[in-house]
């Protein structure tokens, strides 16, 4: 899949997420963000909250289910700015594409 198509699908997915939740940011990251994708690449999307207080497992499951409405090549990850000592959220925000 080419990068523009991946970004288009990512935006559709982001809208699905935003209709169900109120994330701080939804970001495309990984190979499609860097334009280094291969034929086997998935579409990495970070759904970032700033102080998540819901049911983590249910929300993660919901995010995966939403991929079925758009494209199952999408691989979402649920992140929380307040619970990220590794700095991964900041890295995704700094280097990713906001959707």
PDB file of N, CA and C in Angstrom:
ATOM      1  N   UNK A   1       0.845  -1.164   0.000  1.00  0.00           N
ATOM      2  CA  UNK A   1       0.000   0.000   0.000  1.00  0.00           C
ATOM      3  C   UNK A   1       0.899   1.238   0.000  1.00  0.00           C
ATOM      4  N   UNK A   2       0.505   2.254  -0.757  1.00  0.00           N
ATOM      5  CA  UNK A   2       1.332   3.454  -0.747  1.00  0.00           C
ATOM      6  C   UNK A   2       1.015   4.325   0.470  1.00  0.00           C
ATOM      7  N   UNK A   3       1.918   5.229   0.761  1.00  0.00           N
ATOM      8  CA  UNK A   3       1.834   6.047   1.972  1.00  0.00           C
ATOM      9  C   UNK A   3       0.561   6.894   2.012  1.00  0.00           C
ATOM     10  N   UNK A   4       0.195   7.502   0.892  1.00  0.00           N
ATOM     11  CA  UNK A   4      -0.995   8.356   0.874  1.00  0.00           C
ATOM     12  C   UNK A   4      -2.253   7.571   1.212  1.00  0.00           C
ATOM     13  N   UNK A   5      -2.366   6.356   0.711  1.00  0.00           N
ATOM     14  CA  UNK A   5      -3.516   5.506   1.022  1.00  0.00           C
ATOM     15  C   UNK A   5      -3.521   5.157   2.509  1.00  0.00           C
ATOM     16  N   UNK A   6      -2.351   4.867   3.065  1.00  0.00           N
ATOM     17  CA  UNK A   6      -2.254   4.545   4.489  1.00  0.00           C
ATOM     18  C   UNK A   6      -2.673   5.736   5.345  1.00  0.00           C
ATOM     19  N   UNK A   7      -2.264   6.929   4.962  1.00  0.00           N
ATOM     20  CA  UNK A   7      -2.654   8.130   5.707  1.00  0.00           C
ATOM     21  C   UNK A   7      -4.157   8.349   5.599  1.00  0.00           C
ATOM     22  N   UNK A   8      -4.708   8.143   4.420  1.00  0.00           N
ATOM     23  CA  UNK A   8      -6.158   8.276   4.222  1.00  0.00           C
ATOM     24  C   UNK A   8      -6.921   7.294   5.123  1.00  0.00           C
ATOM     25  N   UNK A   9      -6.517   6.034   5.134  1.00  0.00           N
ATOM     26  CA  UNK A   9      -7.157   5.037   5.999  1.00  0.00           C
ATOM     27  C   UNK A   9      -6.986   5.395   7.474  1.00  0.00           C
ATOM     28  N   UNK A  10      -5.821   5.908   7.816  1.00  0.00           N
ATOM     29  CA  UNK A  10      -5.554   6.300   9.200  1.00  0.00           C
ATOM     30  C   UNK A  10      -6.485   7.414   9.649  1.00  0.00           C
ATOM     31  N   UNK A  11      -6.770   8.353   8.771  1.00  0.00           N
ATOM     32  CA  UNK A  11      -7.688   9.450   9.104  1.00  0.00           C
ATOM     33  C   UNK A  11      -9.109   8.938   9.297  1.00  0.00           C
ATOM     34  N   UNK A  12      -9.522   7.993   8.470  1.00  0.00           N
ATOM     35  CA  UNK A  12     -10.853   7.394   8.631  1.00  0.00           C
ATOM     36  C   UNK A  12     -10.927   6.685   9.981  1.00  0.00           C
ATOM     37  N   UNK A  13      -9.892   5.927  10.298  1.00  0.00           N
ATOM     38  CA  UNK A  13      -9.847   5.226  11.584  1.00  0.00           C
ATOM     39  C   UNK A  13      -9.849   6.224  12.741  1.00  0.00           C
ATOM     40  N   UNK A  14      -9.070   7.276  12.621  1.00  0.00           N
ATOM     41  CA  UNK A  14      -9.011   8.299  13.660  1.00  0.00           C
ATOM     42  C   UNK A  14     -10.395   8.888  13.929  1.00  0.00           C
ATOM     43  N   UNK A  15     -11.158   9.125  12.890  1.00  0.00           N
ATOM     44  CA  UNK A  15     -12.518   9.650  13.066  1.00  0.00           C
ATOM     45  C   UNK A  15     -13.396   8.659  13.818  1.00  0.00           C
ATOM     46  N   UNK A  16     -13.249   7.374  13.526  1.00  0.00           N
ATOM     47  CA  UNK A  16     -13.999   6.340  14.259  1.00  0.00           C
ATOM     48  C   UNK A  16     -13.655   6.397  15.749  1.00  0.00           C
ATOM     49  N   UNK A  17     -12.371   6.503  16.038  1.00  0.00           N
ATOM     50  CA  UNK A  17     -11.915   6.558  17.429  1.00  0.00           C
ATOM     51  C   UNK A  17     -12.468   7.798  18.121  1.00  0.00           C
ATOM     52  N   UNK A  18     -12.377   8.939  17.449  1.00  0.00           N
ATOM     53  CA  UNK A  18     -12.827  10.200  18.052  1.00  0.00           C
ATOM     54  C   UNK A  18     -14.341  10.245  18.239  1.00  0.00           C
ATOM     55  N   UNK A  19     -15.072   9.476  17.452  1.00  0.00           N
ATOM     56  CA  UNK A  19     -16.523   9.391  17.647  1.00  0.00           C
ATOM     57  C   UNK A  19     -16.875   8.578  18.894  1.00  0.00           C
ATOM     58  N   UNK A  20     -15.990   7.683  19.287  1.00  0.00           N
ATOM     59  CA  UNK A  20     -16.251   6.811  20.438  1.00  0.00           C
ATOM     60  C   UNK A  20     -15.564   7.284  21.722  1.00  0.00           C
ATOM     61  N   UNK A  21     -14.438   7.953  21.584  1.00  0.00           N
ATOM     62  CA  UNK A  21     -13.626   8.375  22.730  1.00  0.00           C
ATOM     63  C   UNK A  21     -13.173   9.816  22.526  1.00  0.00           C
ATOM     64  N   UNK A  22     -12.558  10.359  23.545  1.00  0.00           N
ATOM     65  CA  UNK A  22     -11.993  11.708  23.466  1.00  0.00           C
ATOM     66  C   UNK A  22     -10.495  11.652  23.770  1.00  0.00           C
ATOM     67  N   UNK A  23      -9.715  11.116  22.831  1.00  0.00           N
ATOM     68  CA  UNK A  23      -8.276  11.022  23.082  1.00  0.00           C
ATOM     69  C   UNK A  23      -7.611  12.394  23.014  1.00  0.00           C
ATOM     70  N   UNK A  24      -6.468  12.483  23.635  1.00  0.00           N
ATOM     71  CA  UNK A  24      -5.642  13.686  23.567  1.00  0.00           C
ATOM     72  C   UNK A  24      -5.137  13.866  22.136  1.00  0.00           C
ATOM     73  N   UNK A  25      -4.644  12.784  21.551  1.00  0.00           N
ATOM     74  CA  UNK A  25      -4.165  12.796  20.165  1.00  0.00           C
ATOM     75  C   UNK A  25      -4.297  11.395  19.573  1.00  0.00           C
ATOM     76  N   UNK A  26      -4.457  11.348  18.255  1.00  0.00           N
ATOM     77  CA  UNK A  26      -4.370  10.099  17.505  1.00  0.00           C
ATOM     78  C   UNK A  26      -3.251  10.323  16.489  1.00  0.00           C
ATOM     79  N   UNK A  27      -2.250   9.455  16.531  1.00  0.00           N
ATOM     80  CA  UNK A  27      -1.030   9.665  15.753  1.00  0.00           C
ATOM     81  C   UNK A  27      -0.685   8.449  14.892  1.00  0.00           C
ATOM     82  N   UNK A  28      -0.279   8.723  13.668  1.00  0.00           N
ATOM     83  CA  UNK A  28       0.335   7.704  12.819  1.00  0.00           C
ATOM     84  C   UNK A  28       1.828   7.711  13.143  1.00  0.00           C
ATOM     85  N   UNK A  29       2.388   6.537  13.389  1.00  0.00           N
ATOM     86  CA  UNK A  29       3.825   6.435  13.642  1.00  0.00           C
ATOM     87  C   UNK A  29       4.337   5.190  12.937  1.00  0.00           C
ATOM     88  N   UNK A  30       5.609   4.952  13.011  1.00  0.00           N
ATOM     89  CA  UNK A  30       6.168   3.746  12.404  1.00  0.00           C
ATOM     90  C   UNK A  30       6.543   3.931  10.946  1.00  0.00           C
ATOM     91  N   UNK A  31       6.582   2.818  10.225  1.00  0.00           N
ATOM     92  CA  UNK A  31       7.140   2.821   8.869  1.00  0.00           C
ATOM     93  C   UNK A  31       6.383   3.723   7.896  1.00  0.00           C
ATOM     94  N   UNK A  32       5.058   3.760   7.970  1.00  0.00           N
ATOM     95  CA  UNK A  32       4.315   4.631   7.049  1.00  0.00           C
ATOM     96  C   UNK A  32       4.557   6.100   7.362  1.00  0.00           C
ATOM     97  N   UNK A  33       4.748   6.416   8.609  1.00  0.00           N
ATOM     98  CA  UNK A  33       5.063   7.788   9.001  1.00  0.00           C
ATOM     99  C   UNK A  33       6.422   8.199   8.427  1.00  0.00           C
ATOM    100  N   UNK A  34       7.378   7.291   8.491  1.00  0.00           N
ATOM    101  CA  UNK A  34       8.738   7.569   8.013  1.00  0.00           C
ATOM    102  C   UNK A  34       8.888   7.346   6.508  1.00  0.00           C
ATOM    103  N   UNK A  35       7.832   6.883   5.859  1.00  0.00           N
ATOM    104  CA  UNK A  35       7.857   6.532   4.435  1.00  0.00           C
ATOM    105  C   UNK A  35       8.891   5.436   4.162  1.00  0.00           C
ATOM    106  N   UNK A  36       8.941   4.450   5.069  1.00  0.00           N
ATOM    107  CA  UNK A  36       9.853   3.312   4.943  1.00  0.00           C
ATOM    108  C   UNK A  36       9.086   1.993   4.906  1.00  0.00           C
ATOM    109  N   UNK A  37       7.817   2.038   4.537  1.00  0.00           N
ATOM    110  CA  UNK A  37       6.967   0.860   4.545  1.00  0.00           C
ATOM    111  C   UNK A  37       7.397  -0.152   3.488  1.00  0.00           C
ATOM    112  N   UNK A  38       7.071  -1.411   3.770  1.00  0.00           N
ATOM    113  CA  UNK A  38       7.268  -2.493   2.812  1.00  0.00           C
ATOM    114  C   UNK A  38       5.901  -3.103   2.519  1.00  0.00           C
ATOM    115  N   UNK A  39       5.869  -4.093   1.662  1.00  0.00           N
ATOM    116  CA  UNK A  39       4.589  -4.731   1.329  1.00  0.00           C
ATOM    117  C   UNK A  39       3.972  -5.434   2.539  1.00  0.00           C
ATOM    118  N   UNK A  40       4.778  -5.754   3.542  1.00  0.00           N
ATOM    119  CA  UNK A  40       4.292  -6.447   4.739  1.00  0.00           C
ATOM    120  C   UNK A  40       4.026  -5.521   5.927  1.00  0.00           C
ATOM    121  N   UNK A  41       4.171  -4.221   5.729  1.00  0.00           N
ATOM    122  CA  UNK A  41       4.021  -3.280   6.841  1.00  0.00           C
ATOM    123  C   UNK A  41       2.575  -3.161   7.296  1.00  0.00           C
ATOM    124  N   UNK A  42       2.420  -2.991   8.608  1.00  0.00           N
ATOM    125  CA  UNK A  42       1.110  -2.650   9.151  1.00  0.00           C
ATOM    126  C   UNK A  42       1.065  -1.129   9.321  1.00  0.00           C
ATOM    127  N   UNK A  43      -0.106  -0.619   9.665  1.00  0.00           N
ATOM    128  CA  UNK A  43      -0.272   0.816   9.897  1.00  0.00           C
ATOM    129  C   UNK A  43      -0.343   1.014  11.406  1.00  0.00           C
ATOM    130  N   UNK A  44       0.695   1.608  11.965  1.00  0.00           N
ATOM    131  CA  UNK A  44       0.785   1.806  13.411  1.00  0.00           C
ATOM    132  C   UNK A  44       0.103   3.110  13.805  1.00  0.00           C
ATOM    133  N   UNK A  45      -0.888   3.001  14.681  1.00  0.00           N
ATOM    134  CA  UNK A  45      -1.613   4.179  15.149  1.00  0.00           C
ATOM    135  C   UNK A  45      -1.619   4.185  16.672  1.00  0.00           C
ATOM    136  N   UNK A  46      -1.188   5.309  17.237  1.00  0.00           N
ATOM    137  CA  UNK A  46      -1.211   5.499  18.686  1.00  0.00           C
ATOM    138  C   UNK A  46      -2.431   6.335  19.050  1.00  0.00           C
ATOM    139  N   UNK A  47      -3.238   5.802  19.952  1.00  0.00           N
ATOM    140  CA  UNK A  47      -4.373   6.539  20.505  1.00  0.00           C
ATOM    141  C   UNK A  47      -3.917   6.971  21.897  1.00  0.00           C
ATOM    142  N   UNK A  48      -3.658   8.268  22.035  1.00  0.00           N
ATOM    143  CA  UNK A  48      -3.013   8.790  23.238  1.00  0.00           C
ATOM    144  C   UNK A  48      -4.011   9.573  24.088  1.00  0.00           C
ATOM    145  N   UNK A  49      -4.038   9.235  25.364  1.00  0.00           N
ATOM    146  CA  UNK A  49      -4.845   9.968  26.339  1.00  0.00           C
ATOM    147  C   UNK A  49      -3.899  10.695  27.283  1.00  0.00           C
ATOM    148  N   UNK A  50      -4.403  11.735  27.919  1.00  0.00           N
ATOM    149  CA  UNK A  50      -3.631  12.456  28.929  1.00  0.00           C
ATOM    150  C   UNK A  50      -4.370  12.320  30.253  1.00  0.00           C
ATOM    151  N   UNK A  51      -4.146  11.192  30.907  1.00  0.00           N
ATOM    152  CA  UNK A  51      -4.855  10.884  32.142  1.00  0.00           C
ATOM    153  C   UNK A  51      -6.029   9.958  31.890  1.00  0.00           C
ATOM    154  N   UNK A  52      -5.759   8.805  31.319  1.00  0.00           N
ATOM    155  CA  UNK A  52      -6.805   7.824  31.010  1.00  0.00           C
ATOM    156  C   UNK A  52      -7.399   7.277  32.299  1.00  0.00           C
ATOM    157  N   UNK A  53      -8.741   7.241  32.355  1.00  0.00           N
ATOM    158  CA  UNK A  53      -9.394   6.750  33.579  1.00  0.00           C
ATOM    159  C   UNK A  53     -10.423   5.658  33.296  1.00  0.00           C
ATOM    160  N   UNK A  54     -10.458   5.166  32.074  1.00  0.00           N
ATOM    161  CA  UNK A  54     -11.431   4.137  31.720  1.00  0.00           C
ATOM    162  C   UNK A  54     -10.907   2.730  31.950  1.00  0.00           C
ATOM    163  N   UNK A  55     -11.592   1.783  31.368  1.00  0.00           N
ATOM    164  CA  UNK A  55     -11.222   0.370  31.428  1.00  0.00           C
ATOM    165  C   UNK A  55     -10.214   0.098  30.305  1.00  0.00           C
ATOM    166  N   UNK A  56      -8.959  -0.106  30.683  1.00  0.00           N
ATOM    167  CA  UNK A  56      -7.867  -0.249  29.709  1.00  0.00           C
ATOM    168  C   UNK A  56      -8.106  -1.411  28.742  1.00  0.00           C
ATOM    169  N   UNK A  57      -8.459  -2.576  29.258  1.00  0.00           N
ATOM    170  CA  UNK A  57      -8.649  -3.750  28.396  1.00  0.00           C
ATOM    171  C   UNK A  57      -9.835  -3.580  27.463  1.00  0.00           C
ATOM    172  N   UNK A  58     -10.942  -3.050  27.965  1.00  0.00           N
ATOM    173  CA  UNK A  58     -12.118  -2.837  27.121  1.00  0.00           C
ATOM    174  C   UNK A  58     -11.811  -1.827  26.019  1.00  0.00           C
ATOM    175  N   UNK A  59     -11.149  -0.743  26.382  1.00  0.00           N
ATOM    176  CA  UNK A  59     -10.825   0.282  25.394  1.00  0.00           C
ATOM    177  C   UNK A  59      -9.865  -0.264  24.345  1.00  0.00           C
ATOM    178  N   UNK A  60      -8.850  -0.999  24.770  1.00  0.00           N
ATOM    179  CA  UNK A  60      -7.917  -1.613  23.811  1.00  0.00           C
ATOM    180  C   UNK A  60      -8.655  -2.543  22.863  1.00  0.00           C
ATOM    181  N   UNK A  61      -9.551  -3.328  23.405  1.00  0.00           N
ATOM    182  CA  UNK A  61     -10.350  -4.239  22.589  1.00  0.00           C
ATOM    183  C   UNK A  61     -11.226  -3.468  21.608  1.00  0.00           C
ATOM    184  N   UNK A  62     -11.846  -2.398  22.082  1.00  0.00           N
ATOM    185  CA  UNK A  62     -12.674  -1.560  21.203  1.00  0.00           C
ATOM    186  C   UNK A  62     -11.849  -0.976  20.062  1.00  0.00           C
ATOM    187  N   UNK A  63     -10.647  -0.517  20.367  1.00  0.00           N
ATOM    188  CA  UNK A  63      -9.786   0.062  19.334  1.00  0.00           C
ATOM    189  C   UNK A  63      -9.461  -0.969  18.262  1.00  0.00           C
ATOM    190  N   UNK A  64      -9.202  -2.209  18.680  1.00  0.00           N
ATOM    191  CA  UNK A  64      -8.935  -3.275  17.708  1.00  0.00           C
ATOM    192  C   UNK A  64     -10.183  -3.587  16.883  1.00  0.00           C
ATOM    193  N   UNK A  65     -11.347  -3.623  17.541  1.00  0.00           N
ATOM    194  CA  UNK A  65     -12.589  -3.905  16.811  1.00  0.00           C
ATOM    195  C   UNK A  65     -12.873  -2.841  15.754  1.00  0.00           C
ATOM    196  N   UNK A  66     -12.540  -1.610  16.059  1.00  0.00           N
ATOM    197  CA  UNK A  66     -12.767  -0.515  15.108  1.00  0.00           C
ATOM    198  C   UNK A  66     -11.955  -0.683  13.831  1.00  0.00           C
ATOM    199  N   UNK A  67     -10.850  -1.409  13.892  1.00  0.00           N
ATOM    200  CA  UNK A  67     -10.051  -1.611  12.679  1.00  0.00           C
ATOM    201  C   UNK A  67     -10.841  -2.393  11.635  1.00  0.00           C
ATOM    202  N   UNK A  68     -11.755  -3.244  12.091  1.00  0.00           N
ATOM    203  CA  UNK A  68     -12.554  -4.049  11.165  1.00  0.00           C
ATOM    204  C   UNK A  68     -13.458  -3.183  10.295  1.00  0.00           C
ATOM    205  N   UNK A  69     -13.798  -1.990  10.765  1.00  0.00           N
ATOM    206  CA  UNK A  69     -14.632  -1.065   9.989  1.00  0.00           C
ATOM    207  C   UNK A  69     -13.832  -0.351   8.908  1.00  0.00           C
ATOM    208  N   UNK A  70     -12.511  -0.295   9.084  1.00  0.00           N
ATOM    209  CA  UNK A  70     -11.668   0.479   8.172  1.00  0.00           C
ATOM    210  C   UNK A  70     -10.733  -0.442   7.391  1.00  0.00           C
ATOM    211  N   UNK A  71      -9.793  -1.077   8.104  1.00  0.00           N
ATOM    212  CA  UNK A  71      -8.855  -2.007   7.481  1.00  0.00           C
ATOM    213  C   UNK A  71      -8.070  -2.702   8.596  1.00  0.00           C
ATOM    214  N   UNK A  72      -8.046  -4.012   8.557  1.00  0.00           N
ATOM    215  CA  UNK A  72      -7.394  -4.767   9.633  1.00  0.00           C
ATOM    216  C   UNK A  72      -5.867  -4.702   9.581  1.00  0.00           C
ATOM    217  N   UNK A  73      -5.312  -4.026   8.603  1.00  0.00           N
ATOM    218  CA  UNK A  73      -3.863  -3.803   8.584  1.00  0.00           C
ATOM    219  C   UNK A  73      -3.475  -2.757   9.634  1.00  0.00           C
ATOM    220  N   UNK A  74      -4.469  -2.025  10.148  1.00  0.00           N
ATOM    221  CA  UNK A  74      -4.232  -1.027  11.192  1.00  0.00           C
ATOM    222  C   UNK A  74      -3.966  -1.735  12.513  1.00  0.00           C
ATOM    223  N   UNK A  75      -2.907  -1.303  13.194  1.00  0.00           N
ATOM    224  CA  UNK A  75      -2.565  -1.854  14.507  1.00  0.00           C
ATOM    225  C   UNK A  75      -2.536  -0.720  15.523  1.00  0.00           C
ATOM    226  N   UNK A  76      -3.631  -0.576  16.273  1.00  0.00           N
ATOM    227  CA  UNK A  76      -3.688   0.505  17.255  1.00  0.00           C
ATOM    228  C   UNK A  76      -2.992   0.131  18.558  1.00  0.00           C
ATOM    229  N   UNK A  77      -2.482   1.149  19.226  1.00  0.00           N
ATOM    230  CA  UNK A  77      -1.931   0.971  20.565  1.00  0.00           C
ATOM    231  C   UNK A  77      -2.503   2.085  21.438  1.00  0.00           C
ATOM    232  N   UNK A  78      -2.965   1.707  22.612  1.00  0.00           N
ATOM    233  CA  UNK A  78      -3.517   2.641  23.585  1.00  0.00           C
ATOM    234  C   UNK A  78      -2.385   3.116  24.492  1.00  0.00           C
ATOM    235  N   UNK A  79      -2.228   4.433  24.604  1.00  0.00           N
ATOM    236  CA  UNK A  79      -1.172   5.011  25.426  1.00  0.00           C
ATOM    237  C   UNK A  79      -1.748   6.098  26.326  1.00  0.00           C
ATOM    238  N   UNK A  80      -1.077   6.330  27.456  1.00  0.00           N
ATOM    239  CA  UNK A  80      -1.481   7.390  28.377  1.00  0.00           C
ATOM    240  C   UNK A  80      -0.253   8.220  28.738  1.00  0.00           C
ATOM    241  N   UNK A  81      -0.325   9.507  28.478  1.00  0.00           N
ATOM    242  CA  UNK A  81       0.785  10.419  28.777  1.00  0.00           C
ATOM    243  C   UNK A  81       1.187  10.356  30.251  1.00  0.00           C
ATOM    244  N   UNK A  82       0.213  10.123  31.135  1.00  0.00           N
ATOM    245  CA  UNK A  82       0.479  10.129  32.572  1.00  0.00           C
ATOM    246  C   UNK A  82       1.109   8.821  33.064  1.00  0.00           C
ATOM    247  N   UNK A  83       1.104   7.805  32.231  1.00  0.00           N
ATOM    248  CA  UNK A  83       1.647   6.495  32.624  1.00  0.00           C
ATOM    249  C   UNK A  83       2.663   6.018  31.598  1.00  0.00           C
ATOM    250  N   UNK A  84       3.620   6.874  31.275  1.00  0.00           N
ATOM    251  CA  UNK A  84       4.586   6.540  30.237  1.00  0.00           C
ATOM    252  C   UNK A  84       5.994   6.970  30.639  1.00  0.00           C
ATOM    253  N   UNK A  85       6.585   6.265  31.599  1.00  0.00           N
ATOM    254  CA  UNK A  85       7.936   6.649  32.027  1.00  0.00           C
ATOM    255  C   UNK A  85       8.992   6.456  30.937  1.00  0.00           C
ATOM    256  N   UNK A  86       8.695   5.649  29.920  1.00  0.00           N
ATOM    257  CA  UNK A  86       9.675   5.395  28.861  1.00  0.00           C
ATOM    258  C   UNK A  86       9.822   6.575  27.908  1.00  0.00           C
ATOM    259  N   UNK A  87       8.827   7.453  27.859  1.00  0.00           N
ATOM    260  CA  UNK A  87       8.871   8.572  26.926  1.00  0.00           C
ATOM    261  C   UNK A  87       8.363   8.234  25.539  1.00  0.00           C
ATOM    262  N   UNK A  88       7.768   7.045  25.373  1.00  0.00           N
ATOM    263  CA  UNK A  88       7.290   6.626  24.056  1.00  0.00           C
ATOM    264  C   UNK A  88       6.214   7.575  23.524  1.00  0.00           C
ATOM    265  N   UNK A  89       5.294   8.015  24.381  1.00  0.00           N
ATOM    266  CA  UNK A  89       4.244   8.950  23.934  1.00  0.00           C
ATOM    267  C   UNK A  89       4.860  10.216  23.351  1.00  0.00           C
ATOM    268  N   UNK A  90       5.799  10.783  24.074  1.00  0.00           N
ATOM    269  CA  UNK A  90       6.453  12.004  23.598  1.00  0.00           C
ATOM    270  C   UNK A  90       7.157  11.766  22.270  1.00  0.00           C
ATOM    271  N   UNK A  91       7.816  10.628  22.145  1.00  0.00           N
ATOM    272  CA  UNK A  91       8.502  10.297  20.894  1.00  0.00           C
ATOM    273  C   UNK A  91       7.500  10.219  19.739  1.00  0.00           C
ATOM    274  N   UNK A  92       6.372   9.552  19.963  1.00  0.00           N
ATOM    275  CA  UNK A  92       5.352   9.425  18.917  1.00  0.00           C
ATOM    276  C   UNK A  92       4.807  10.802  18.546  1.00  0.00           C
ATOM    277  N   UNK A  93       4.551  11.637  19.542  1.00  0.00           N
ATOM    278  CA  UNK A  93       4.023  12.977  19.275  1.00  0.00           C
ATOM    279  C   UNK A  93       5.036  13.821  18.505  1.00  0.00           C
ATOM    280  N   UNK A  94       6.308  13.708  18.855  1.00  0.00           N
ATOM    281  CA  UNK A  94       7.354  14.493  18.195  1.00  0.00           C
ATOM    282  C   UNK A  94       7.635  14.030  16.773  1.00  0.00           C
ATOM    283  N   UNK A  95       7.540  12.731  16.521  1.00  0.00           N
ATOM    284  CA  UNK A  95       7.961  12.197  15.221  1.00  0.00           C
ATOM    285  C   UNK A  95       6.814  11.717  14.343  1.00  0.00           C
ATOM    286  N   UNK A  96       5.622  11.566  14.919  1.00  0.00           N
ATOM    287  CA  UNK A  96       4.495  11.020  14.172  1.00  0.00           C
ATOM    288  C   UNK A  96       3.712  12.073  13.407  1.00  0.00           C
ATOM    289  N   UNK A  97       2.654  11.614  12.773  1.00  0.00           N
ATOM    290  CA  UNK A  97       1.741  12.480  12.025  1.00  0.00           C
ATOM    291  C   UNK A  97       0.420  12.496  12.774  1.00  0.00           C
ATOM    292  N   UNK A  98      -0.004  13.683  13.198  1.00  0.00           N
ATOM    293  CA  UNK A  98      -1.274  13.782  13.917  1.00  0.00           C
ATOM    294  C   UNK A  98      -2.427  13.619  12.937  1.00  0.00           C
ATOM    295  N   UNK A  99      -3.406  12.834  13.357  1.00  0.00           N
ATOM    296  CA  UNK A  99      -4.553  12.540  12.498  1.00  0.00           C
ATOM    297  C   UNK A  99      -5.782  13.302  12.972  1.00  0.00           C
TER     298      UNK A  99
END
